N, C-alpha and C. Protein backbone atom coordinates (compact mmCIF):
# COMPACT_ATOMS: atom_id res chain seq x y z
N MET A 1 -46.52 -34.79 5.71
CA MET A 1 -44.74 -35.06 6.14
C MET A 1 -44.74 -34.12 5.81
N ASP A 2 -43.59 -34.20 6.64
CA ASP A 2 -42.75 -32.22 7.37
C ASP A 2 -40.56 -32.47 7.60
N LEU A 3 -40.23 -31.68 7.81
CA LEU A 3 -38.44 -32.26 8.09
C LEU A 3 -38.78 -32.79 8.95
N SER A 4 -39.33 -33.43 10.47
CA SER A 4 -39.40 -34.35 10.96
C SER A 4 -39.18 -35.73 10.58
N ASN A 5 -40.30 -35.91 10.00
CA ASN A 5 -40.36 -37.23 9.34
C ASN A 5 -39.32 -37.93 8.85
N LEU A 6 -38.50 -37.65 7.65
CA LEU A 6 -37.69 -37.01 7.13
C LEU A 6 -36.60 -38.07 7.65
N LYS A 7 -35.84 -39.40 6.85
CA LYS A 7 -35.45 -40.55 7.00
C LYS A 7 -34.14 -40.78 5.63
N ALA A 8 -33.41 -40.56 6.13
CA ALA A 8 -32.33 -40.75 5.15
C ALA A 8 -32.06 -41.72 4.62
N PRO A 9 -31.80 -42.25 3.27
CA PRO A 9 -31.57 -43.87 3.01
C PRO A 9 -30.49 -44.68 2.96
N THR A 10 -31.10 -46.22 3.25
CA THR A 10 -29.66 -46.84 3.51
C THR A 10 -28.51 -46.33 3.50
N PRO A 11 -28.13 -46.37 1.70
CA PRO A 11 -26.82 -46.66 1.31
C PRO A 11 -26.39 -45.14 2.01
N ASN A 12 -26.86 -44.22 2.45
CA ASN A 12 -25.98 -43.24 3.44
C ASN A 12 -26.26 -42.95 4.84
N LYS A 13 -26.55 -44.09 5.08
CA LYS A 13 -26.46 -44.34 6.87
C LYS A 13 -24.45 -44.83 7.25
N LYS A 14 -23.71 -45.09 6.17
CA LYS A 14 -22.71 -45.71 6.57
C LYS A 14 -21.85 -44.39 8.35
N ASN A 15 -21.49 -45.40 8.95
CA ASN A 15 -20.47 -44.53 9.63
C ASN A 15 -19.06 -43.92 9.44
N THR A 16 -19.20 -42.71 10.11
CA THR A 16 -17.73 -42.00 9.56
C THR A 16 -16.40 -42.88 10.00
N LYS A 17 -15.07 -42.06 9.00
CA LYS A 17 -14.26 -42.80 9.02
C LYS A 17 -13.54 -42.87 10.40
N ARG A 18 -13.00 -44.02 11.30
CA ARG A 18 -12.99 -43.47 12.72
C ARG A 18 -11.06 -43.41 12.53
N VAL A 19 -10.32 -42.55 12.48
CA VAL A 19 -8.62 -42.24 11.82
C VAL A 19 -7.89 -43.04 13.41
N GLY A 20 -6.81 -43.60 13.05
CA GLY A 20 -5.92 -43.76 13.93
C GLY A 20 -6.42 -44.49 14.95
N ARG A 21 -7.34 -45.54 14.64
CA ARG A 21 -7.22 -47.02 15.80
C ARG A 21 -7.28 -47.89 15.05
N GLY A 22 -5.63 -48.11 14.26
CA GLY A 22 -5.16 -49.35 14.40
C GLY A 22 -5.10 -49.50 12.52
N GLU A 23 -3.87 -50.60 12.29
CA GLU A 23 -3.93 -51.18 11.03
C GLU A 23 -5.35 -51.12 10.11
N GLY A 24 -6.05 -52.09 10.95
CA GLY A 24 -6.89 -52.91 10.18
C GLY A 24 -7.77 -51.79 9.69
N SER A 25 -8.01 -50.86 10.36
CA SER A 25 -9.17 -49.92 9.85
C SER A 25 -8.91 -49.11 8.72
N GLY A 26 -7.92 -49.09 8.62
CA GLY A 26 -7.55 -48.42 6.89
C GLY A 26 -6.77 -47.17 6.68
N LYS A 27 -7.05 -46.51 8.58
CA LYS A 27 -6.73 -45.25 8.82
C LYS A 27 -6.00 -45.14 9.80
N GLY A 28 -4.75 -46.17 9.93
CA GLY A 28 -4.06 -46.15 10.93
C GLY A 28 -2.66 -45.38 10.87
N GLN A 29 -1.57 -46.09 11.61
CA GLN A 29 -0.50 -45.57 11.37
C GLN A 29 -0.14 -43.92 11.88
N GLU A 30 -0.03 -43.41 10.14
CA GLU A 30 -0.23 -41.99 10.23
C GLU A 30 -2.15 -41.35 10.22
N SER A 31 -2.74 -42.17 9.84
CA SER A 31 -4.32 -41.20 10.28
C SER A 31 -4.98 -40.63 8.97
N GLY A 32 -3.59 -40.73 7.83
CA GLY A 32 -3.94 -40.35 6.63
C GLY A 32 -3.26 -39.20 6.03
N ARG A 33 -2.70 -38.62 7.15
CA ARG A 33 -1.53 -37.43 6.81
C ARG A 33 -0.64 -37.39 6.46
N GLY A 34 -0.35 -38.73 6.43
CA GLY A 34 1.01 -39.02 5.11
C GLY A 34 2.23 -39.09 5.73
N MET A 35 3.45 -38.95 5.76
CA MET A 35 4.64 -39.16 6.63
C MET A 35 4.84 -37.69 7.75
N ASN A 36 5.57 -37.44 7.80
CA ASN A 36 6.74 -36.10 8.94
C ASN A 36 6.14 -35.16 7.73
N GLY A 37 6.50 -33.58 8.12
CA GLY A 37 5.96 -32.27 8.42
C GLY A 37 5.32 -31.76 8.83
N GLN A 38 4.89 -30.27 8.24
CA GLN A 38 4.29 -29.71 8.91
C GLN A 38 2.76 -29.87 9.08
N LYS A 39 2.68 -30.29 8.04
CA LYS A 39 0.61 -31.03 7.72
C LYS A 39 0.48 -31.95 8.79
N SER A 40 1.28 -33.03 9.11
CA SER A 40 1.48 -34.07 10.00
C SER A 40 0.77 -34.08 11.31
N ARG A 41 1.16 -32.96 11.86
CA ARG A 41 0.63 -32.66 12.93
C ARG A 41 -0.30 -32.09 13.39
N SER A 42 -0.66 -32.62 15.18
CA SER A 42 -1.69 -32.10 15.59
C SER A 42 -2.69 -30.10 15.76
N GLY A 43 -2.79 -29.84 15.84
CA GLY A 43 -3.08 -28.01 15.78
C GLY A 43 -2.37 -27.22 14.70
N TYR A 44 -2.17 -28.07 13.34
CA TYR A 44 -1.39 -27.46 11.95
C TYR A 44 -2.61 -26.70 11.58
N SER A 45 -2.68 -24.85 11.49
CA SER A 45 -2.98 -24.92 10.50
C SER A 45 -2.35 -23.63 9.35
N ARG A 46 -2.26 -23.55 8.48
CA ARG A 46 -2.33 -22.41 7.22
C ARG A 46 -2.76 -21.55 6.90
N ARG A 47 -2.05 -20.35 6.82
CA ARG A 47 -2.52 -19.46 6.67
C ARG A 47 -3.25 -19.57 5.05
N ALA A 48 -4.49 -18.44 5.12
CA ALA A 48 -4.65 -18.59 3.34
C ALA A 48 -3.93 -18.07 2.21
N TRP A 49 -2.90 -16.95 2.17
CA TRP A 49 -1.52 -16.92 1.51
C TRP A 49 -0.66 -17.14 1.84
N PHE A 50 -0.82 -18.18 2.82
CA PHE A 50 0.68 -18.95 2.90
C PHE A 50 1.00 -20.04 1.55
N GLU A 51 2.59 -19.48 0.91
CA GLU A 51 2.68 -20.46 -0.22
C GLU A 51 4.17 -20.62 0.23
N GLY A 52 4.01 -21.27 1.22
CA GLY A 52 5.69 -22.93 1.17
C GLY A 52 6.84 -21.32 1.26
N GLY A 53 7.72 -21.43 1.09
CA GLY A 53 8.37 -20.17 0.48
C GLY A 53 8.52 -19.97 -0.01
N GLN A 54 7.77 -20.12 -1.18
CA GLN A 54 7.70 -19.12 -2.16
C GLN A 54 7.12 -17.75 -1.64
N MET A 55 7.78 -16.40 -2.33
CA MET A 55 7.06 -14.86 -2.32
C MET A 55 6.15 -14.82 -2.59
N PRO A 56 5.08 -14.91 -1.49
CA PRO A 56 3.07 -14.93 -1.78
C PRO A 56 2.98 -13.99 -2.71
N LEU A 57 1.86 -13.84 -3.22
CA LEU A 57 1.11 -13.62 -4.26
C LEU A 57 1.13 -11.49 -3.88
N GLN A 58 0.47 -11.62 -2.56
CA GLN A 58 0.44 -10.31 -2.31
C GLN A 58 1.93 -9.35 -2.55
N ARG A 59 2.83 -10.00 -1.83
CA ARG A 59 3.83 -9.39 -1.85
C ARG A 59 5.03 -9.11 -3.74
N ARG A 60 3.64 -9.81 -4.13
CA ARG A 60 4.42 -10.04 -5.93
C ARG A 60 4.16 -9.44 -6.23
N ILE A 61 2.72 -9.45 -6.10
CA ILE A 61 2.23 -7.70 -6.94
C ILE A 61 2.55 -6.01 -7.33
N PRO A 62 2.83 -5.30 -7.79
CA PRO A 62 3.53 -4.14 -7.60
C PRO A 62 1.97 -3.50 -6.45
N LYS A 63 2.64 -2.42 -6.53
CA LYS A 63 1.75 -1.62 -5.40
C LYS A 63 1.79 -0.50 -5.68
N PHE A 64 0.30 0.16 -5.93
CA PHE A 64 0.87 2.16 -6.82
C PHE A 64 -0.06 2.70 -5.51
N GLY A 65 -0.62 3.39 -6.41
CA GLY A 65 -1.93 4.87 -6.00
C GLY A 65 -1.14 4.89 -4.73
N PHE A 66 -2.51 5.81 -4.14
CA PHE A 66 -2.61 7.35 -3.10
C PHE A 66 -4.28 6.86 -2.70
N LYS A 67 -4.87 7.21 -1.20
CA LYS A 67 -5.74 7.08 -0.97
C LYS A 67 -4.70 8.02 -0.12
N ASN A 68 -6.14 9.69 -0.11
CA ASN A 68 -6.11 10.68 0.16
C ASN A 68 -6.87 10.41 1.71
N PRO A 69 -6.29 10.60 2.72
CA PRO A 69 -6.66 10.69 4.18
C PRO A 69 -7.89 12.32 4.40
N ASN A 70 -7.33 12.45 4.13
CA ASN A 70 -8.13 13.97 4.15
C ASN A 70 -9.07 14.68 3.28
N ARG A 71 -9.36 13.49 1.94
CA ARG A 71 -10.16 13.68 1.28
C ARG A 71 -11.58 14.22 1.62
N VAL A 72 -12.16 15.36 1.22
CA VAL A 72 -13.59 15.73 1.46
C VAL A 72 -14.56 15.36 -0.09
N GLU A 73 -15.62 14.61 0.18
CA GLU A 73 -16.41 14.39 -0.83
C GLU A 73 -17.82 15.02 -0.39
N PHE A 74 -18.12 15.52 -1.45
CA PHE A 74 -18.99 16.23 -1.85
C PHE A 74 -20.54 14.90 -2.71
N ARG A 75 -21.88 14.92 -2.16
CA ARG A 75 -22.86 15.03 -2.65
C ARG A 75 -23.31 15.52 -4.53
N PRO A 76 -23.20 15.05 -5.13
CA PRO A 76 -23.38 15.73 -6.63
C PRO A 76 -24.71 16.25 -6.39
N VAL A 77 -25.34 17.30 -6.99
CA VAL A 77 -27.21 17.69 -7.41
C VAL A 77 -27.17 18.54 -8.27
N ASN A 78 -27.78 18.04 -9.37
CA ASN A 78 -27.20 18.46 -11.01
C ASN A 78 -28.43 20.07 -10.90
N LEU A 79 -28.39 21.11 -11.43
CA LEU A 79 -28.99 22.05 -11.70
C LEU A 79 -30.95 21.24 -12.24
N ARG A 80 -30.48 20.06 -13.20
CA ARG A 80 -31.25 19.78 -13.71
C ARG A 80 -32.51 19.23 -12.94
N THR A 81 -31.78 18.32 -12.00
CA THR A 81 -32.59 17.87 -10.94
C THR A 81 -33.72 18.58 -9.83
N ILE A 82 -32.79 19.99 -9.40
CA ILE A 82 -33.72 20.90 -8.77
C ILE A 82 -34.45 21.44 -9.16
N ALA A 83 -34.42 22.21 -10.50
CA ALA A 83 -35.31 22.28 -11.18
C ALA A 83 -36.34 21.35 -11.54
N GLU A 84 -36.12 19.43 -11.32
CA GLU A 84 -37.60 18.85 -11.25
C GLU A 84 -37.55 18.91 -9.83
N TYR A 85 -37.23 19.08 -9.09
CA TYR A 85 -37.56 18.86 -7.57
C TYR A 85 -38.75 19.81 -7.54
N ILE A 86 -38.65 21.02 -8.19
CA ILE A 86 -38.44 22.49 -7.44
C ILE A 86 -40.38 22.33 -8.04
N GLU A 87 -40.37 21.58 -9.81
CA GLU A 87 -41.76 21.62 -10.79
C GLU A 87 -42.85 20.56 -9.54
N ALA A 88 -42.20 19.69 -8.69
CA ALA A 88 -43.15 18.65 -8.27
C ALA A 88 -43.34 19.65 -7.17
N GLY A 89 -42.75 20.08 -6.34
CA GLY A 89 -43.35 20.70 -5.02
C GLY A 89 -41.81 20.37 -4.16
N LYS A 90 -41.27 19.37 -4.06
CA LYS A 90 -40.42 19.17 -3.07
C LYS A 90 -39.34 19.95 -2.90
N LEU A 91 -39.09 21.35 -3.46
CA LEU A 91 -38.37 22.65 -3.24
C LEU A 91 -38.88 23.15 -3.77
N SER A 92 -38.78 24.53 -2.14
CA SER A 92 -39.41 26.13 -2.59
C SER A 92 -37.76 26.87 -3.04
N ASP A 93 -38.16 27.96 -3.24
CA ASP A 93 -37.61 29.02 -3.60
C ASP A 93 -36.98 29.39 -2.86
N LYS A 94 -36.35 29.41 -1.66
CA LYS A 94 -34.94 28.94 -0.72
C LYS A 94 -34.85 28.19 -0.36
N ILE A 95 -33.64 27.33 -1.09
CA ILE A 95 -33.08 25.87 -0.80
C ILE A 95 -31.46 25.60 0.25
N MET A 96 -32.16 25.36 1.64
CA MET A 96 -31.78 24.85 2.70
C MET A 96 -30.05 24.03 2.57
N ALA A 97 -29.48 23.26 2.66
CA ALA A 97 -28.57 22.27 3.22
C ALA A 97 -30.12 21.27 3.23
N ALA A 98 -30.70 21.82 4.64
CA ALA A 98 -31.81 20.90 5.14
C ALA A 98 -32.74 20.34 4.30
N ASP A 99 -33.29 21.04 3.17
CA ASP A 99 -34.04 20.69 2.24
C ASP A 99 -33.45 19.73 1.22
N PHE A 100 -32.53 19.77 1.34
CA PHE A 100 -31.70 18.21 0.56
C PHE A 100 -31.84 17.59 0.82
N VAL A 101 -31.95 17.20 1.54
CA VAL A 101 -32.07 16.22 2.67
C VAL A 101 -33.50 16.19 2.57
N ALA A 102 -34.36 16.65 3.00
CA ALA A 102 -35.46 16.33 3.52
C ALA A 102 -36.25 15.86 2.21
N ALA A 103 -35.77 16.45 0.95
CA ALA A 103 -36.00 16.14 -0.70
C ALA A 103 -35.87 14.42 -0.88
N GLY A 104 -34.38 13.81 -0.01
CA GLY A 104 -33.85 12.82 -0.33
C GLY A 104 -32.60 12.48 -1.57
N LEU A 105 -32.66 14.62 -2.09
CA LEU A 105 -31.22 14.10 -2.45
C LEU A 105 -29.90 14.23 -1.54
N ALA A 106 -29.93 14.31 -0.75
CA ALA A 106 -28.22 13.62 0.36
C ALA A 106 -28.93 13.00 1.80
N HIS A 107 -27.86 12.56 2.30
CA HIS A 107 -28.07 12.69 3.95
C HIS A 107 -28.33 12.96 4.16
N LYS A 108 -28.01 12.88 5.96
CA LYS A 108 -27.87 13.48 6.72
C LYS A 108 -26.79 14.17 7.42
N ASN A 109 -26.15 14.57 6.95
CA ASN A 109 -24.21 14.87 7.53
C ASN A 109 -23.41 14.93 6.00
N GLU A 110 -23.51 14.91 5.01
CA GLU A 110 -23.34 14.78 3.53
C GLU A 110 -23.35 16.32 3.11
N LEU A 111 -21.57 16.20 2.61
CA LEU A 111 -21.35 17.78 1.82
C LEU A 111 -22.99 17.93 0.66
N ILE A 112 -23.39 19.31 0.10
CA ILE A 112 -23.68 19.09 -1.41
C ILE A 112 -22.58 19.85 -1.96
N LYS A 113 -22.30 19.51 -3.39
CA LYS A 113 -22.17 20.69 -4.48
C LYS A 113 -22.87 20.11 -5.35
N VAL A 114 -23.58 21.86 -5.88
CA VAL A 114 -24.68 22.24 -6.98
C VAL A 114 -23.50 22.55 -8.17
N LEU A 115 -23.69 21.31 -9.49
CA LEU A 115 -23.69 20.92 -10.80
C LEU A 115 -24.17 21.44 -11.61
N GLY A 116 -23.23 22.04 -12.24
CA GLY A 116 -23.71 23.72 -13.90
C GLY A 116 -24.64 22.10 -14.47
N THR A 117 -25.04 20.75 -14.27
CA THR A 117 -25.74 20.22 -15.44
C THR A 117 -26.73 20.50 -15.77
N GLY A 118 -27.07 21.17 -16.98
CA GLY A 118 -29.51 21.15 -17.32
C GLY A 118 -29.83 22.04 -17.06
N ASP A 119 -30.58 22.28 -17.79
CA ASP A 119 -31.22 24.17 -18.27
C ASP A 119 -31.60 24.85 -17.02
N PHE A 120 -31.60 25.99 -16.72
CA PHE A 120 -31.98 26.24 -15.41
C PHE A 120 -32.75 27.47 -15.55
N GLU A 121 -34.13 28.13 -15.36
CA GLU A 121 -35.02 29.14 -15.18
C GLU A 121 -35.47 29.14 -14.42
N ASN A 122 -35.32 29.09 -12.94
CA ASN A 122 -35.83 29.69 -12.03
C ASN A 122 -35.11 30.16 -11.06
N LYS A 123 -36.00 31.78 -10.24
CA LYS A 123 -35.38 32.38 -9.82
C LYS A 123 -35.42 31.37 -7.95
N VAL A 124 -33.48 31.24 -7.55
CA VAL A 124 -33.71 30.15 -5.89
C VAL A 124 -32.79 30.71 -6.06
N GLU A 125 -33.05 30.56 -4.46
CA GLU A 125 -31.77 31.31 -3.05
C GLU A 125 -31.86 29.78 -2.79
N ILE A 126 -30.29 29.33 -3.47
CA ILE A 126 -30.15 27.99 -3.28
C ILE A 126 -28.38 28.29 -1.83
N GLU A 127 -28.49 27.45 -0.39
CA GLU A 127 -27.52 27.34 -0.30
C GLU A 127 -26.21 25.96 -0.43
N ALA A 128 -25.20 25.74 -0.55
CA ALA A 128 -24.89 24.79 -0.75
C ALA A 128 -23.27 24.57 -0.37
N HIS A 129 -22.45 23.06 0.65
CA HIS A 129 -21.39 23.73 0.44
C HIS A 129 -20.39 23.12 -0.51
N ALA A 130 -20.82 23.51 -1.66
CA ALA A 130 -20.33 23.60 -2.83
C ALA A 130 -20.55 24.38 -3.81
N ALA A 131 -20.21 24.41 -5.07
CA ALA A 131 -20.86 24.72 -6.42
C ALA A 131 -19.71 24.90 -7.28
N SER A 132 -20.20 24.33 -8.43
CA SER A 132 -19.44 24.68 -10.11
C SER A 132 -19.86 25.71 -10.88
N LYS A 133 -18.19 26.28 -10.54
CA LYS A 133 -18.56 28.34 -12.27
C LYS A 133 -19.86 27.54 -12.43
N SER A 134 -20.21 27.39 -13.58
CA SER A 134 -21.16 27.13 -14.88
C SER A 134 -22.49 26.95 -13.51
N ALA A 135 -22.62 26.67 -12.42
CA ALA A 135 -24.19 26.35 -11.83
C ALA A 135 -24.25 28.05 -11.25
N ILE A 136 -23.24 28.22 -10.56
CA ILE A 136 -23.45 29.60 -10.18
C ILE A 136 -24.11 30.09 -11.48
N GLU A 137 -22.61 30.13 -12.56
CA GLU A 137 -23.66 31.60 -13.74
C GLU A 137 -24.97 30.67 -13.86
N LYS A 138 -25.39 30.20 -14.16
CA LYS A 138 -27.02 29.58 -14.41
C LYS A 138 -27.20 30.38 -13.66
N VAL A 139 -27.75 30.00 -12.48
CA VAL A 139 -28.55 30.86 -11.19
C VAL A 139 -28.89 31.83 -10.77
N GLU A 140 -27.53 32.38 -11.18
CA GLU A 140 -27.03 34.02 -11.50
C GLU A 140 -28.41 34.65 -12.41
N LYS A 141 -27.86 33.99 -13.68
CA LYS A 141 -28.49 33.98 -14.91
C LYS A 141 -29.53 34.28 -14.72
N ALA A 142 -30.53 32.93 -13.80
CA ALA A 142 -31.69 33.21 -14.06
C ALA A 142 -32.59 33.97 -13.29
N GLY A 143 -31.53 34.57 -12.32
CA GLY A 143 -32.02 35.72 -10.77
C GLY A 143 -31.95 34.99 -9.74
N GLY A 144 -31.66 33.65 -9.57
CA GLY A 144 -31.38 34.04 -8.10
C GLY A 144 -29.83 34.22 -7.25
N SER A 145 -29.60 33.01 -5.82
CA SER A 145 -28.25 33.36 -5.44
C SER A 145 -27.88 32.31 -5.52
N LEU A 146 -26.58 31.38 -5.07
CA LEU A 146 -26.29 30.22 -5.00
C LEU A 146 -25.43 30.68 -3.73
N THR A 147 -25.41 30.56 -3.02
CA THR A 147 -24.54 31.06 -1.38
C THR A 147 -23.96 29.83 -0.59
N ILE A 148 -22.67 29.64 -0.72
CA ILE A 148 -21.65 28.40 -0.12
C ILE A 148 -21.48 28.40 1.13
N LEU A 149 -21.74 27.67 1.79
CA LEU A 149 -21.77 27.26 3.11
C LEU A 149 -19.90 26.76 3.70
N LYS A 150 -19.37 27.62 4.85
CA LYS A 150 -18.64 26.89 5.35
C LYS A 150 -18.25 25.55 6.14
């Protein structure tokens, strides 16, 4: 037995109600649409947010906030994560922006910001698009350097 052999049970084989085929059919005259009005006409389609004459919800709710179209978004990478990747052998002593992508810490066109979370004792040269003050201090304290790319 498969789907092509299945048949519907007998009570399920009712014909659909034919609309507008005389009073005897039970759906004659106005065809189940009620009397006059916009909804009784052919071609009627109401927008999902339409509420008659009432002020629509999306206009009643107060608007606030601001989305800056010029916002620059960075991919944050913590020093703790960099230290773990160096121990695992995924990053070397000289880390460029492309190395973050190769290690899976960022995507191809993302800007990278190094953050100072975690302990850091590795003497490493890091190139990133931005860095926090604490990250720069920790890298320089460990004997490395953090270069900001333009």
